[in-house]
Amino acid sequence: MDSSPSLQGNTESSPTTSPPVDPQEFNFTAAMMCVVIFLALFGNGLVIAAFHRFHQLRTVTNYFVVSLAVADILVASLSMPSWMYIQLSHLSKIPQQKLLAKVLYYSWQYVDILCSTASIVSLCVISVDRHLAINSPLTYHSRMTPKRARTAIALAWLFAFVCASLSIVTVEQNFNPTAGQVYACFISIAAFFIPFFILIVMYSKIGCVAVRQVRQICAANSGIQHGIQREHNMTFRNELRITKMLGIVIGAFVLCWGPFFSIVLLYAVCRQNCPNDHGWVAISKWLHYANSTFNPLIYMLFTPTFRNAFRRLLVRGFCCLKLPHGGSRFNLNIWKKGSVEPSEYFSARTFQETTEVQPRKTEDGFNEKNSNVELEKTRQLTDSTNT
């Protein structure tokens, strides 16, 4: 994504331009960008392939995950190579009167804003979907149908299209210098600060419900003979895992996008008076492009179904490992006896398969009769690791 003052026609103060690089720096930058592009294409390609191959992954929530993967693939296949070419060939320093340079530069800017905004909005849509599933579990499936999910995805991409289209008004801002500043502030608020606020609110509520439900699960499946201290330790470990998962999701978003949008706002406010530090600008671009690589890693780390689907696809692709059970069917769900993993805890299918044990009645009166609603709510919790 690019909404910097490079659109102002003054390339000397642009955060997207860079001084001449020596051959070693050129080779290093090109090699590292190729690695990032490969990892992003490979990881997000696995997400789409797993969704297509395994029926267990064809859930409404994973529709949004696939939309996010598509946006990240477009970032890796279109935005990253174009940015690398522009930086290494100094295309942004070519006078704007040259038609070819102008078309190539602004075409990259449009695609970059479109794909990056779609990726960010997809993250927000996933968080809202998980919030609805957890707080309204009894009505979630009737309200969030596949048709409505596709409509939500279309609206997310429409919003990204509008944000990218508005960048066109800055093309001729030599005649209207204020347009670039206004657009930089708009895109920062619409594509970062508002999504960041939504992520914080949604995942905070998810975390609170998750911690409460972990305690109820531990109480239902733990007898008095286990001891109060052992139950307390298990509950604490499960709460810690959930906190880590949510922290990584939000932390990755802030780490990857925060520096870039901070620089965008800085250049929008101070314009030509800003320090011309191309190093920090390049780092901020690398970070926000790297977010397209981190997203599939989060699925693999915290979602057993995606993790095992990836393993299955890689085994088939390389044909170097023996398939489990020697059969064509593969169970993507894993449950470790005696533990409640956050990813398993957030999987409705897994929870349903592993809570067939009759819950014991505890001192607080928790039993099957008065816990139907809570158990139904817990079944919805496990889908949230698909974020």
Protein backbone atom coordinates (compact mmCIF):
# COMPACT_ATOMS: atom_id res chain seq x y z
CA MET A 1 0.00 0.00 0.00
CA ASP A 2 1.26 3.44 -0.82
CA SER A 3 -0.26 6.78 0.03
CA SER A 4 2.91 8.75 0.54
CA PRO A 5 3.92 12.18 -0.67
CA SER A 6 5.52 10.62 -3.70
CA LEU A 7 2.25 11.49 -5.36
CA GLN A 8 2.92 15.13 -4.91
CA GLY A 9 5.36 15.35 -7.74
CA ASN A 10 8.15 16.18 -5.32
CA THR A 11 10.15 13.00 -5.31
CA GLU A 12 12.88 14.46 -3.19
CA SER A 13 10.70 14.21 -0.08
CA SER A 14 9.00 10.97 -1.01
CA PRO A 15 9.22 7.95 1.26
CA THR A 16 8.95 5.66 -1.72
CA THR A 17 12.02 6.94 -3.51
CA SER A 18 15.50 5.87 -2.57
CA PRO A 19 19.06 6.87 -3.28
CA PRO A 20 21.17 4.80 -5.69
CA VAL A 21 22.06 1.40 -4.30
CA ASP A 22 25.31 -0.48 -4.76
CA PRO A 23 25.35 -3.91 -6.43
CA GLN A 24 25.59 -5.80 -3.13
CA GLU A 25 22.59 -4.01 -1.69
CA PHE A 26 20.73 -4.57 -4.96
CA ASN A 27 21.38 -8.32 -4.87
CA PHE A 28 20.54 -8.63 -1.19
CA THR A 29 17.27 -6.73 -1.56
CA ALA A 30 16.23 -8.71 -4.59
CA ALA A 31 17.08 -12.04 -2.95
CA MET A 32 15.22 -11.23 0.28
CA MET A 33 12.17 -10.00 -1.57
CA CYS A 34 12.12 -13.20 -3.63
CA VAL A 35 12.17 -15.21 -0.41
CA VAL A 36 9.27 -13.20 1.05
CA ILE A 37 7.30 -13.53 -2.19
CA PHE A 38 7.87 -17.29 -2.29
CA LEU A 39 6.83 -17.81 1.34
CA ALA A 40 3.70 -15.70 0.90
CA LEU A 41 2.67 -17.50 -2.28
CA PHE A 42 3.49 -20.92 -0.85
CA GLY A 43 1.74 -20.42 2.50
CA ASN A 44 -1.41 -18.79 1.17
CA GLY A 45 -1.51 -21.25 -1.71
CA LEU A 46 -1.60 -24.05 0.87
CA VAL A 47 -4.54 -22.34 2.61
CA ILE A 48 -6.56 -22.25 -0.61
CA ALA A 49 -5.55 -25.79 -1.59
CA ALA A 50 -6.50 -27.13 1.84
CA PHE A 51 -9.86 -25.39 1.70
CA HIS A 52 -10.52 -26.93 -1.72
CA ARG A 53 -9.26 -30.40 -0.82
CA PHE A 54 -10.73 -31.04 2.66
CA HIS A 55 -14.43 -30.77 3.37
CA GLN A 56 -13.75 -30.26 7.08
CA LEU A 57 -12.34 -26.84 6.26
CA ARG A 58 -15.28 -25.65 4.16
CA THR A 59 -16.88 -23.60 6.91
CA VAL A 60 -18.35 -20.13 6.73
CA THR A 61 -15.44 -18.71 8.71
CA ASN A 62 -12.95 -20.23 6.30
CA TYR A 63 -14.66 -18.43 3.42
CA PHE A 64 -13.23 -15.28 4.99
CA VAL A 65 -9.88 -16.98 5.51
CA VAL A 66 -9.73 -17.85 1.81
CA SER A 67 -10.60 -14.26 0.92
CA LEU A 68 -7.69 -13.14 3.09
CA ALA A 69 -5.40 -15.68 1.40
CA VAL A 70 -6.45 -14.45 -2.05
CA ALA A 71 -5.66 -10.86 -1.06
CA ASP A 72 -2.26 -11.90 0.30
CA ILE A 73 -1.49 -13.84 -2.89
CA LEU A 74 -2.28 -10.75 -4.95
CA VAL A 75 0.00 -8.71 -2.70
CA ALA A 76 2.81 -11.23 -3.19
CA SER A 77 2.32 -11.69 -6.93
CA LEU A 78 1.57 -8.09 -7.98
CA SER A 79 2.45 -5.52 -5.32
CA MET A 80 5.77 -6.93 -4.08
CA PRO A 81 7.43 -7.48 -7.48
CA SER A 82 6.24 -4.07 -8.71
CA TRP A 83 7.55 -2.31 -5.61
CA MET A 84 10.89 -4.10 -5.88
CA TYR A 85 11.20 -3.11 -9.54
CA ILE A 86 10.27 0.51 -8.82
CA GLN A 87 12.76 0.78 -5.96
CA LEU A 88 15.67 -0.94 -7.65
CA SER A 89 15.17 0.79 -11.01
CA HIS A 90 14.37 4.19 -9.41
CA LEU A 91 11.24 4.43 -11.52
CA SER A 92 9.67 6.84 -9.04
CA LYS A 93 12.47 9.33 -9.76
CA ILE A 94 11.64 9.49 -13.46
CA PRO A 95 9.83 12.74 -14.24
CA GLN A 96 6.08 12.32 -14.24
CA GLN A 97 5.88 13.79 -17.73
CA LYS A 98 7.11 10.47 -19.10
CA LEU A 99 3.90 8.59 -19.77
CA LEU A 100 5.24 5.04 -19.33
CA ALA A 101 6.82 5.79 -15.96
CA LYS A 102 3.69 7.54 -14.78
CA VAL A 103 1.38 4.68 -15.84
CA LEU A 104 3.56 1.99 -14.28
CA TYR A 105 4.02 3.87 -11.02
CA TYR A 106 0.37 4.72 -10.44
CA SER A 107 -0.79 1.30 -11.59
CA TRP A 108 1.38 -0.24 -8.88
CA GLN A 109 0.03 2.24 -6.35
CA TYR A 110 -3.57 1.35 -7.21
CA VAL A 111 -3.01 -2.41 -7.02
CA ASP A 112 -0.98 -2.06 -3.83
CA ILE A 113 -3.71 -0.12 -2.03
CA LEU A 114 -6.45 -2.43 -3.33
CA CYS A 115 -4.81 -5.70 -2.25
CA SER A 116 -3.44 -4.43 1.06
CA THR A 117 -6.74 -2.87 2.10
CA ALA A 118 -8.59 -6.07 1.16
CA SER A 119 -6.19 -8.06 3.34
CA ILE A 120 -6.70 -5.77 6.33
CA VAL A 121 -10.49 -5.66 5.95
CA SER A 122 -10.57 -9.46 5.68
CA LEU A 123 -8.86 -9.69 9.06
CA CYS A 124 -11.58 -7.47 10.52
CA VAL A 125 -14.37 -9.50 8.92
CA ILE A 126 -12.93 -12.68 10.43
CA SER A 127 -12.83 -11.12 13.90
CA VAL A 128 -16.44 -9.91 13.61
CA ASP A 129 -17.55 -13.34 12.39
CA ARG A 130 -15.88 -15.05 15.37
CA HIS A 131 -17.42 -12.53 17.76
CA LEU A 132 -20.90 -13.25 16.41
CA ALA A 133 -20.32 -17.00 16.61
CA ILE A 134 -19.22 -16.86 20.21
CA ASN A 135 -21.72 -14.37 21.60
CA SER A 136 -24.74 -15.62 19.61
CA PRO A 137 -24.04 -19.34 19.15
CA LEU A 138 -27.66 -20.46 18.98
CA THR A 139 -28.50 -18.16 16.08
CA TYR A 140 -25.10 -17.94 14.39
CA HIS A 141 -25.61 -20.61 11.74
CA SER A 142 -29.00 -19.27 10.74
CA ARG A 143 -27.71 -15.72 10.55
CA MET A 144 -24.29 -16.30 8.97
CA THR A 145 -25.15 -18.40 5.93
CA PRO A 146 -22.72 -19.06 3.05
CA LYS A 147 -24.67 -16.58 0.91
CA ARG A 148 -24.31 -13.84 3.52
CA ALA A 149 -20.65 -14.71 3.95
CA ARG A 150 -20.09 -14.22 0.22
CA THR A 151 -21.95 -10.92 0.42
CA ALA A 152 -19.72 -9.79 3.29
CA ILE A 153 -16.63 -10.75 1.28
CA ALA A 154 -17.92 -8.81 -1.74
CA LEU A 155 -18.52 -5.73 0.44
CA ALA A 156 -15.02 -6.01 1.89
CA TRP A 157 -13.47 -6.03 -1.58
CA LEU A 158 -15.79 -3.21 -2.67
CA PHE A 159 -14.53 -1.11 0.22
CA ALA A 160 -10.94 -1.85 -0.82
CA PHE A 161 -11.81 -0.94 -4.42
CA VAL A 162 -13.25 2.41 -3.29
CA CYS A 163 -10.18 3.20 -1.18
CA ALA A 164 -7.88 2.40 -4.09
CA SER A 165 -9.99 4.36 -6.56
CA LEU A 166 -9.83 7.46 -4.38
CA SER A 167 -6.06 7.44 -4.80
CA ILE A 168 -6.62 8.49 -8.41
CA VAL A 169 -7.56 11.99 -7.24
CA THR A 170 -3.99 12.45 -6.02
CA VAL A 171 -2.47 11.78 -9.42
CA GLU A 172 -2.79 15.40 -10.51
CA GLN A 173 -2.17 16.91 -7.09
CA ASN A 174 0.47 19.22 -8.53
CA PHE A 175 -2.57 21.44 -8.96
CA ASN A 176 -4.04 20.53 -5.55
CA PRO A 177 -1.29 19.78 -3.01
CA THR A 178 -3.85 19.32 -0.21
CA ALA A 179 -5.38 16.28 -1.91
CA GLY A 180 -2.40 14.07 -1.09
CA GLN A 181 -2.48 15.03 2.58
CA VAL A 182 -6.21 14.44 2.88
CA TYR A 183 -5.99 11.08 1.19
CA ALA A 184 -3.04 9.97 3.33
CA CYS A 185 -5.02 10.78 6.49
CA PHE A 186 -8.14 9.09 5.10
CA ILE A 187 -6.40 5.83 4.12
CA SER A 188 -4.57 5.69 7.45
CA ILE A 189 -7.81 6.01 9.40
CA ALA A 190 -9.91 3.77 7.14
CA ALA A 191 -7.34 1.03 6.55
CA PHE A 192 -5.47 0.94 9.86
CA PHE A 193 -6.86 2.78 12.88
CA ILE A 194 -10.49 1.71 12.45
CA PRO A 195 -9.56 -1.93 11.69
CA PHE A 196 -7.16 -1.90 14.64
CA PHE A 197 -9.92 -0.69 16.94
CA ILE A 198 -12.27 -3.40 15.61
CA LEU A 199 -9.64 -6.12 16.16
CA ILE A 200 -8.97 -4.96 19.71
CA VAL A 201 -12.66 -4.90 20.65
CA MET A 202 -13.60 -8.18 18.97
CA TYR A 203 -10.65 -10.21 20.22
CA SER A 204 -10.90 -8.76 23.71
CA LYS A 205 -14.47 -10.03 23.93
CA ILE A 206 -13.47 -13.36 22.42
CA GLY A 207 -10.66 -13.68 24.96
CA CYS A 208 -12.98 -13.00 27.89
CA VAL A 209 -15.50 -15.61 26.73
CA ALA A 210 -12.72 -18.09 25.97
CA VAL A 211 -11.20 -17.83 29.42
CA ARG A 212 -14.60 -18.25 31.06
CA GLN A 213 -15.42 -21.30 28.97
CA VAL A 214 -12.02 -22.90 29.63
CA ARG A 215 -12.74 -22.70 33.34
CA GLN A 216 -16.14 -24.31 32.85
CA ILE A 217 -14.67 -27.12 30.74
CA CYS A 218 -12.01 -27.80 33.34
CA ALA A 219 -14.65 -27.80 36.08
CA ALA A 220 -16.89 -30.19 34.12
CA ASN A 221 -14.12 -32.68 33.33
CA SER A 222 -12.16 -32.54 36.59
CA GLY A 223 -13.12 -34.54 39.66
CA ILE A 224 -12.43 -33.61 43.23
CA GLN A 225 -9.78 -36.32 43.33
CA HIS A 226 -7.59 -34.36 40.90
CA GLY A 227 -7.00 -31.78 43.52
CA ILE A 228 -7.66 -28.06 43.58
CA GLN A 229 -4.05 -27.15 42.78
CA ARG A 230 -3.87 -29.37 39.70
CA GLU A 231 -7.10 -27.94 38.32
CA HIS A 232 -5.87 -24.41 38.95
CA ASN A 233 -2.60 -25.09 37.11
CA MET A 234 -4.37 -26.59 34.10
CA THR A 235 -6.78 -23.67 33.91
CA PHE A 236 -3.92 -21.19 34.11
CA ARG A 237 -2.01 -22.92 31.30
CA ASN A 238 -5.05 -22.94 29.04
CA GLU A 239 -5.76 -19.26 29.72
CA LEU A 240 -2.13 -18.49 28.97
CA ARG A 241 -2.29 -20.29 25.62
CA ILE A 242 -5.43 -18.41 24.60
CA THR A 243 -3.85 -15.10 25.61
CA LYS A 244 -0.75 -15.89 23.55
CA MET A 245 -2.82 -16.75 20.49
CA LEU A 246 -4.86 -13.55 20.60
CA GLY A 247 -1.74 -11.55 21.38
CA ILE A 248 0.04 -12.91 18.31
CA VAL A 249 -2.90 -12.09 16.04
CA ILE A 250 -3.11 -8.48 17.23
CA GLY A 251 0.64 -8.09 17.70
CA ALA A 252 1.40 -9.24 14.15
CA PHE A 253 -1.08 -6.71 12.77
CA VAL A 254 0.39 -3.82 14.78
CA LEU A 255 3.99 -4.82 14.10
CA CYS A 256 3.46 -5.14 10.35
CA TRP A 257 1.21 -2.17 9.68
CA GLY A 258 1.88 0.30 12.52
CA PRO A 259 5.27 1.62 11.33
CA PHE A 260 4.09 2.08 7.75
CA PHE A 261 0.97 4.08 8.58
CA SER A 262 2.89 6.10 11.15
CA ILE A 263 5.30 7.16 8.41
CA VAL A 264 2.40 7.86 6.03
CA LEU A 265 0.83 10.23 8.57
CA LEU A 266 4.19 11.80 9.33
CA TYR A 267 4.83 12.64 5.69
CA ALA A 268 1.25 13.86 5.28
CA VAL A 269 1.60 16.31 8.16
CA CYS A 270 5.12 17.67 7.74
CA ARG A 271 5.41 17.15 3.95
CA GLN A 272 8.71 18.56 2.67
CA ASN A 273 10.02 19.24 6.18
CA CYS A 274 10.19 15.52 7.03
CA PRO A 275 13.60 13.86 7.36
CA ASN A 276 14.46 11.94 4.23
CA ASP A 277 15.24 8.59 5.91
CA HIS A 278 14.77 5.97 3.22
CA GLY A 279 15.98 3.18 5.47
CA TRP A 280 13.01 3.37 7.83
CA VAL A 281 10.65 3.72 4.89
CA ALA A 282 12.01 0.56 3.31
CA ILE A 283 11.73 -1.32 6.60
CA SER A 284 8.10 -0.26 7.01
CA LYS A 285 7.29 -1.51 3.51
CA TRP A 286 9.03 -4.81 4.18
CA LEU A 287 7.06 -5.25 7.39
CA HIS A 288 3.65 -4.64 5.88
CA TYR A 289 4.43 -6.93 2.95
CA ALA A 290 5.64 -9.58 5.41
CA ASN A 291 2.16 -9.62 6.96
CA SER A 292 1.02 -11.60 3.92
CA THR A 293 3.56 -14.25 4.95
CA PHE A 294 2.64 -14.29 8.65
CA ASN A 295 -1.08 -14.96 8.20
CA PRO A 296 -0.80 -18.60 7.02
CA LEU A 297 1.81 -19.25 9.72
CA ILE A 298 -0.74 -18.20 12.35
CA TYR A 299 -3.24 -20.71 10.94
CA MET A 300 -0.63 -23.46 11.02
CA LEU A 301 0.45 -22.75 14.59
CA PHE A 302 -2.95 -22.40 16.19
CA THR A 303 -5.37 -24.41 14.05
CA PRO A 304 -4.98 -28.20 14.14
CA THR A 305 -7.24 -28.68 11.11
CA PHE A 306 -5.18 -26.35 8.93
CA ARG A 307 -1.92 -27.68 10.34
CA ASN A 308 -2.78 -31.27 9.53
CA ALA A 309 -4.25 -30.32 6.15
CA PHE A 310 -0.96 -28.61 5.28
CA ARG A 311 0.94 -31.71 6.37
CA ARG A 312 -1.33 -33.91 4.28
CA LEU A 313 -0.85 -31.75 1.19
CA LEU A 314 2.92 -31.62 1.62
CA VAL A 315 3.11 -35.40 2.10
CA ARG A 316 1.16 -35.94 -1.09
CA GLY A 317 3.18 -33.35 -2.96
CA PHE A 318 6.62 -34.67 -2.08
CA CYS A 319 5.63 -38.36 -1.83
CA CYS A 320 8.36 -38.95 0.74
CA LEU A 321 6.35 -39.88 3.83
CA LYS A 322 3.91 -42.69 4.49
CA LEU A 323 0.31 -41.48 4.72
CA PRO A 324 -1.25 -42.07 8.16
CA HIS A 325 -3.50 -45.11 8.50
CA GLY A 326 -2.71 -46.02 4.88
CA GLY A 327 -6.09 -44.81 3.74
CA SER A 328 -7.51 -42.10 1.54
CA ARG A 329 -9.44 -40.43 4.33
CA PHE A 330 -7.63 -38.23 6.78
CA ASN A 331 -8.94 -36.95 10.08
CA LEU A 332 -7.84 -33.35 10.42
CA ASN A 333 -8.91 -33.08 14.06
CA ILE A 334 -6.49 -33.85 16.88
CA TRP A 335 -7.32 -34.10 20.55
CA LYS A 336 -4.66 -34.68 23.14
CA LYS A 337 -6.16 -36.48 26.04
CA GLY A 338 -6.09 -34.57 29.27
CA SER A 339 -5.34 -31.17 27.75
CA VAL A 340 -7.29 -28.34 26.22
CA GLU A 341 -5.33 -26.66 23.45
CA PRO A 342 -6.56 -23.19 22.49
CA SER A 343 -6.86 -24.18 18.84
CA GLU A 344 -8.77 -27.33 19.68
CA TYR A 345 -10.82 -25.40 22.17
CA PHE A 346 -11.89 -23.04 19.42
CA SER A 347 -12.93 -25.82 16.98
CA ALA A 348 -16.61 -26.62 17.08
CA ARG A 349 -16.16 -30.06 15.50
CA THR A 350 -13.36 -31.03 17.87
CA PHE A 351 -15.22 -29.85 20.94
CA GLN A 352 -18.29 -31.81 19.92
CA GLU A 353 -16.24 -34.97 19.48
CA THR A 354 -14.39 -34.61 22.75
CA THR A 355 -17.14 -33.56 25.12
CA GLU A 356 -19.18 -36.73 24.89
CA VAL A 357 -18.10 -37.58 28.45
CA GLN A 358 -20.91 -36.82 30.85
CA PRO A 359 -20.06 -33.65 32.78
CA ARG A 360 -19.73 -34.10 36.51
CA LYS A 361 -21.74 -32.00 38.84
CA THR A 362 -19.56 -29.61 40.79
CA GLU A 363 -20.02 -27.52 43.87
CA ASP A 364 -21.13 -24.53 41.83
CA GLY A 365 -24.07 -26.54 40.44
CA PHE A 366 -22.69 -26.90 36.89
CA ASN A 367 -24.44 -29.85 35.25
CA GLU A 368 -25.95 -30.90 31.95
CA LYS A 369 -29.36 -29.53 32.73
CA ASN A 370 -28.36 -25.95 33.34
CA SER A 371 -25.43 -25.81 30.93
CA ASN A 372 -26.95 -26.49 27.50
CA VAL A 373 -26.62 -22.88 26.42
CA GLU A 374 -23.05 -22.62 27.72
CA LEU A 375 -22.00 -25.83 25.98
CA GLU A 376 -23.55 -24.63 22.73
CA LYS A 377 -21.68 -21.37 23.11
CA THR A 378 -18.45 -23.27 23.72
CA ARG A 379 -18.92 -25.31 20.56
CA GLN A 380 -18.72 -22.08 18.60
CA LEU A 381 -15.55 -20.94 20.36
CA THR A 382 -13.13 -23.22 18.55
CA ASP A 383 -13.63 -21.70 15.10
CA SER A 384 -11.90 -18.51 16.20
CA THR A 385 -8.36 -19.82 15.64
CA ASN A 386 -9.03 -19.69 11.91
CA THR A 387 -8.13 -16.05 12.27
